[in-house]
């Protein structure tokens, strides 16, 4: 199973960016998908997750929107009104079942850099 992110880059404060992450490989089912980020010198932190409900970090509520396309095994993060403190490497994650067995596994993408200039 692979998760591949795209859409990162350089954006000015107040602007918008859309991240995408697609899962491929042997996938029977996907439950929760999410986005995390890690800024230099800081721990990785949750940005947003989506399953039957959505969860957002307080710092991004009202500015970021997570969505998914189950037919494409893809999760998106629409980032609006970005701030310099949003600068980080953004990672997607997915909880995946690979077959008929009961086991679920967590997978991570390689990360995509988002840099917000002031």
C-alpha atoms as a PDB file:
ATOM      1  CA  UNK A   1       0.000   0.000   0.000  1.00  0.00           C
ATOM      2  CA  UNK A   2       1.259   3.478  -0.874  1.00  0.00           C
ATOM      3  CA  UNK A   3      -0.007   6.915   0.042  1.00  0.00           C
ATOM      4  CA  UNK A   4       1.153   9.679  -2.264  1.00  0.00           C
ATOM      5  CA  UNK A   5       0.611  13.333  -1.421  1.00  0.00           C
ATOM      6  CA  UNK A   6       0.599  16.239  -3.830  1.00  0.00           C
ATOM      7  CA  UNK A   7      -0.265  19.912  -3.882  1.00  0.00           C
ATOM      8  CA  UNK A   8       2.268  21.378  -1.491  1.00  0.00           C
ATOM      9  CA  UNK A   9       4.301  24.450  -2.281  1.00  0.00           C
ATOM     10  CA  UNK A  10       4.875  28.092  -1.491  1.00  0.00           C
ATOM     11  CA  UNK A  11       1.897  30.353  -0.830  1.00  0.00           C
ATOM     12  CA  UNK A  12       1.487  33.852   0.540  1.00  0.00           C
ATOM     13  CA  UNK A  13      -0.245  34.452   3.827  1.00  0.00           C
ATOM     14  CA  UNK A  14      -3.963  34.753   3.292  1.00  0.00           C
ATOM     15  CA  UNK A  15      -3.867  32.551   0.224  1.00  0.00           C
ATOM     16  CA  UNK A  16      -5.141  29.045  -0.452  1.00  0.00           C
ATOM     17  CA  UNK A  17      -3.687  25.649  -1.202  1.00  0.00           C
ATOM     18  CA  UNK A  18      -5.220  22.227  -1.779  1.00  0.00           C
ATOM     19  CA  UNK A  19      -3.452  19.041  -0.799  1.00  0.00           C
ATOM     20  CA  UNK A  20      -4.353  15.617  -2.176  1.00  0.00           C
ATOM     21  CA  UNK A  21      -3.395  12.149  -1.036  1.00  0.00           C
ATOM     22  CA  UNK A  22      -4.213   8.954  -2.915  1.00  0.00           C
ATOM     23  CA  UNK A  23      -3.907   5.444  -1.563  1.00  0.00           C
ATOM     24  CA  UNK A  24      -3.045   2.583  -3.893  1.00  0.00           C
ATOM     25  CA  UNK A  25      -2.183  -1.087  -3.653  1.00  0.00           C
ATOM     26  CA  UNK A  26      -4.020  -3.994  -2.068  1.00  0.00           C
ATOM     27  CA  UNK A  27      -6.893  -2.226  -0.316  1.00  0.00           C
ATOM     28  CA  UNK A  28     -10.048  -3.918   0.924  1.00  0.00           C
ATOM     29  CA  UNK A  29     -11.344  -1.018   2.989  1.00  0.00           C
ATOM     30  CA  UNK A  30     -10.261   2.347   4.358  1.00  0.00           C
ATOM     31  CA  UNK A  31     -11.645   3.753   7.563  1.00  0.00           C
ATOM     32  CA  UNK A  32     -10.160   6.961   8.937  1.00  0.00           C
ATOM     33  CA  UNK A  33      -8.042   9.187   6.708  1.00  0.00           C
ATOM     34  CA  UNK A  34      -6.282  12.247   7.939  1.00  0.00           C
ATOM     35  CA  UNK A  35      -3.695  14.957   7.673  1.00  0.00           C
ATOM     36  CA  UNK A  36      -0.907  15.683  10.129  1.00  0.00           C
ATOM     37  CA  UNK A  37       1.896  18.212  10.006  1.00  0.00           C
ATOM     38  CA  UNK A  38       5.343  18.667  11.456  1.00  0.00           C
ATOM     39  CA  UNK A  39       7.109  21.994  11.660  1.00  0.00           C
ATOM     40  CA  UNK A  40      10.886  22.227  12.197  1.00  0.00           C
ATOM     41  CA  UNK A  41      11.792  21.462  15.784  1.00  0.00           C
ATOM     42  CA  UNK A  42       8.246  20.447  16.673  1.00  0.00           C
ATOM     43  CA  UNK A  43       6.366  17.220  17.097  1.00  0.00           C
ATOM     44  CA  UNK A  44       3.998  15.923  14.463  1.00  0.00           C
ATOM     45  CA  UNK A  45       0.488  17.156  15.180  1.00  0.00           C
ATOM     46  CA  UNK A  46      -2.999  16.368  13.982  1.00  0.00           C
ATOM     47  CA  UNK A  47      -4.522  18.747  11.465  1.00  0.00           C
ATOM     48  CA  UNK A  48      -7.756  16.970  10.548  1.00  0.00           C
ATOM     49  CA  UNK A  49      -9.239  13.507  10.224  1.00  0.00           C
ATOM     50  CA  UNK A  50     -12.287  12.176   8.423  1.00  0.00           C
ATOM     51  CA  UNK A  51     -14.281   9.008   8.891  1.00  0.00           C
ATOM     52  CA  UNK A  52     -18.009   9.153   9.469  1.00  0.00           C
ATOM     53  CA  UNK A  53     -17.241  12.495  11.129  1.00  0.00           C
ATOM     54  CA  UNK A  54     -14.554  15.110  10.812  1.00  0.00           C
ATOM     55  CA  UNK A  55     -12.154  16.330  13.470  1.00  0.00           C
ATOM     56  CA  UNK A  56     -10.054  19.486  13.239  1.00  0.00           C
ATOM     57  CA  UNK A  57      -7.268  20.970  15.282  1.00  0.00           C
ATOM     58  CA  UNK A  58      -8.380  24.198  16.918  1.00  0.00           C
ATOM     59  CA  UNK A  59      -5.683  26.084  15.038  1.00  0.00           C
ATOM     60  CA  UNK A  60      -7.219  25.275  11.637  1.00  0.00           C
ATOM     61  CA  UNK A  61     -10.945  25.258  12.385  1.00  0.00           C
ATOM     62  CA  UNK A  62     -12.830  27.551  10.046  1.00  0.00           C
ATOM     63  CA  UNK A  63      -9.875  27.774   7.638  1.00  0.00           C
ATOM     64  CA  UNK A  64      -9.143  24.207   6.526  1.00  0.00           C
ATOM     65  CA  UNK A  65     -11.582  21.632   5.163  1.00  0.00           C
ATOM     66  CA  UNK A  66     -10.929  17.913   4.897  1.00  0.00           C
ATOM     67  CA  UNK A  67     -12.849  15.788   2.408  1.00  0.00           C
ATOM     68  CA  UNK A  68     -12.498  12.432   0.711  1.00  0.00           C
ATOM     69  CA  UNK A  69     -13.474  10.610  -2.442  1.00  0.00           C
ATOM     70  CA  UNK A  70     -13.975   6.979  -1.489  1.00  0.00           C
ATOM     71  CA  UNK A  71     -14.194   5.838  -5.105  1.00  0.00           C
ATOM     72  CA  UNK A  72     -10.679   7.188  -5.644  1.00  0.00           C
ATOM     73  CA  UNK A  73      -9.254   6.305  -2.207  1.00  0.00           C
ATOM     74  CA  UNK A  74      -8.267   9.945  -1.966  1.00  0.00           C
ATOM     75  CA  UNK A  75      -8.341  12.496   0.822  1.00  0.00           C
ATOM     76  CA  UNK A  76      -8.068  16.252   0.327  1.00  0.00           C
ATOM     77  CA  UNK A  77      -7.183  19.196   2.519  1.00  0.00           C
ATOM     78  CA  UNK A  78      -8.408  22.585   1.356  1.00  0.00           C
ATOM     79  CA  UNK A  79      -6.337  25.210   3.125  1.00  0.00           C
ATOM     80  CA  UNK A  80      -7.745  28.748   3.099  1.00  0.00           C
ATOM     81  CA  UNK A  81      -6.526  31.934   4.767  1.00  0.00           C
ATOM     82  CA  UNK A  82      -3.203  30.295   5.455  1.00  0.00           C
ATOM     83  CA  UNK A  83      -0.813  31.763   7.996  1.00  0.00           C
ATOM     84  CA  UNK A  84       2.982  31.593   8.341  1.00  0.00           C
ATOM     85  CA  UNK A  85       2.504  29.276  11.313  1.00  0.00           C
ATOM     86  CA  UNK A  86       0.909  26.743   8.957  1.00  0.00           C
ATOM     87  CA  UNK A  87       4.355  26.172   7.453  1.00  0.00           C
ATOM     88  CA  UNK A  88       5.233  22.502   7.894  1.00  0.00           C
ATOM     89  CA  UNK A  89       5.608  19.178   6.177  1.00  0.00           C
ATOM     90  CA  UNK A  90       2.114  17.763   5.779  1.00  0.00           C
ATOM     91  CA  UNK A  91       1.598  14.017   5.975  1.00  0.00           C
ATOM     92  CA  UNK A  92      -1.498  12.051   5.109  1.00  0.00           C
ATOM     93  CA  UNK A  93      -2.492   8.898   6.897  1.00  0.00           C
ATOM     94  CA  UNK A  94      -4.999   6.136   6.331  1.00  0.00           C
ATOM     95  CA  UNK A  95      -6.230   3.164   8.336  1.00  0.00           C
ATOM     96  CA  UNK A  96      -6.520   0.336   5.833  1.00  0.00           C
ATOM     97  CA  UNK A  97      -7.709  -3.230   5.806  1.00  0.00           C
ATOM     98  CA  UNK A  98      -5.957  -5.249   3.134  1.00  0.00           C
ATOM     99  CA  UNK A  99      -8.185  -8.322   3.061  1.00  0.00           C
ATOM    100  CA  UNK A 100     -11.056 -10.176   4.654  1.00  0.00           C
ATOM    101  CA  UNK A 101      -9.177 -10.563   7.926  1.00  0.00           C
ATOM    102  CA  UNK A 102      -9.971  -8.245  10.842  1.00  0.00           C
ATOM    103  CA  UNK A 103      -6.623  -6.428  11.001  1.00  0.00           C
ATOM    104  CA  UNK A 104      -6.349  -2.715  10.223  1.00  0.00           C
ATOM    105  CA  UNK A 105      -3.002  -1.048   9.550  1.00  0.00           C
ATOM    106  CA  UNK A 106      -1.968   2.591   9.624  1.00  0.00           C
ATOM    107  CA  UNK A 107      -0.096   3.912   6.596  1.00  0.00           C
ATOM    108  CA  UNK A 108       1.631   7.238   6.038  1.00  0.00           C
ATOM    109  CA  UNK A 109       2.589   9.257   3.017  1.00  0.00           C
ATOM    110  CA  UNK A 110       6.059  10.639   2.432  1.00  0.00           C
ATOM    111  CA  UNK A 111       5.037  14.201   3.233  1.00  0.00           C
ATOM    112  CA  UNK A 112       4.663  17.378   1.216  1.00  0.00           C
ATOM    113  CA  UNK A 113       6.159  20.735   2.164  1.00  0.00           C
ATOM    114  CA  UNK A 114       3.886  23.708   2.665  1.00  0.00           C
ATOM    115  CA  UNK A 115       5.569  27.070   3.122  1.00  0.00           C
ATOM    116  CA  UNK A 116       3.569  30.191   3.887  1.00  0.00           C
ATOM    117  CA  UNK A 117       5.342  33.485   3.358  1.00  0.00           C
ATOM    118  CA  UNK A 118       4.404  36.586   5.294  1.00  0.00           C
END
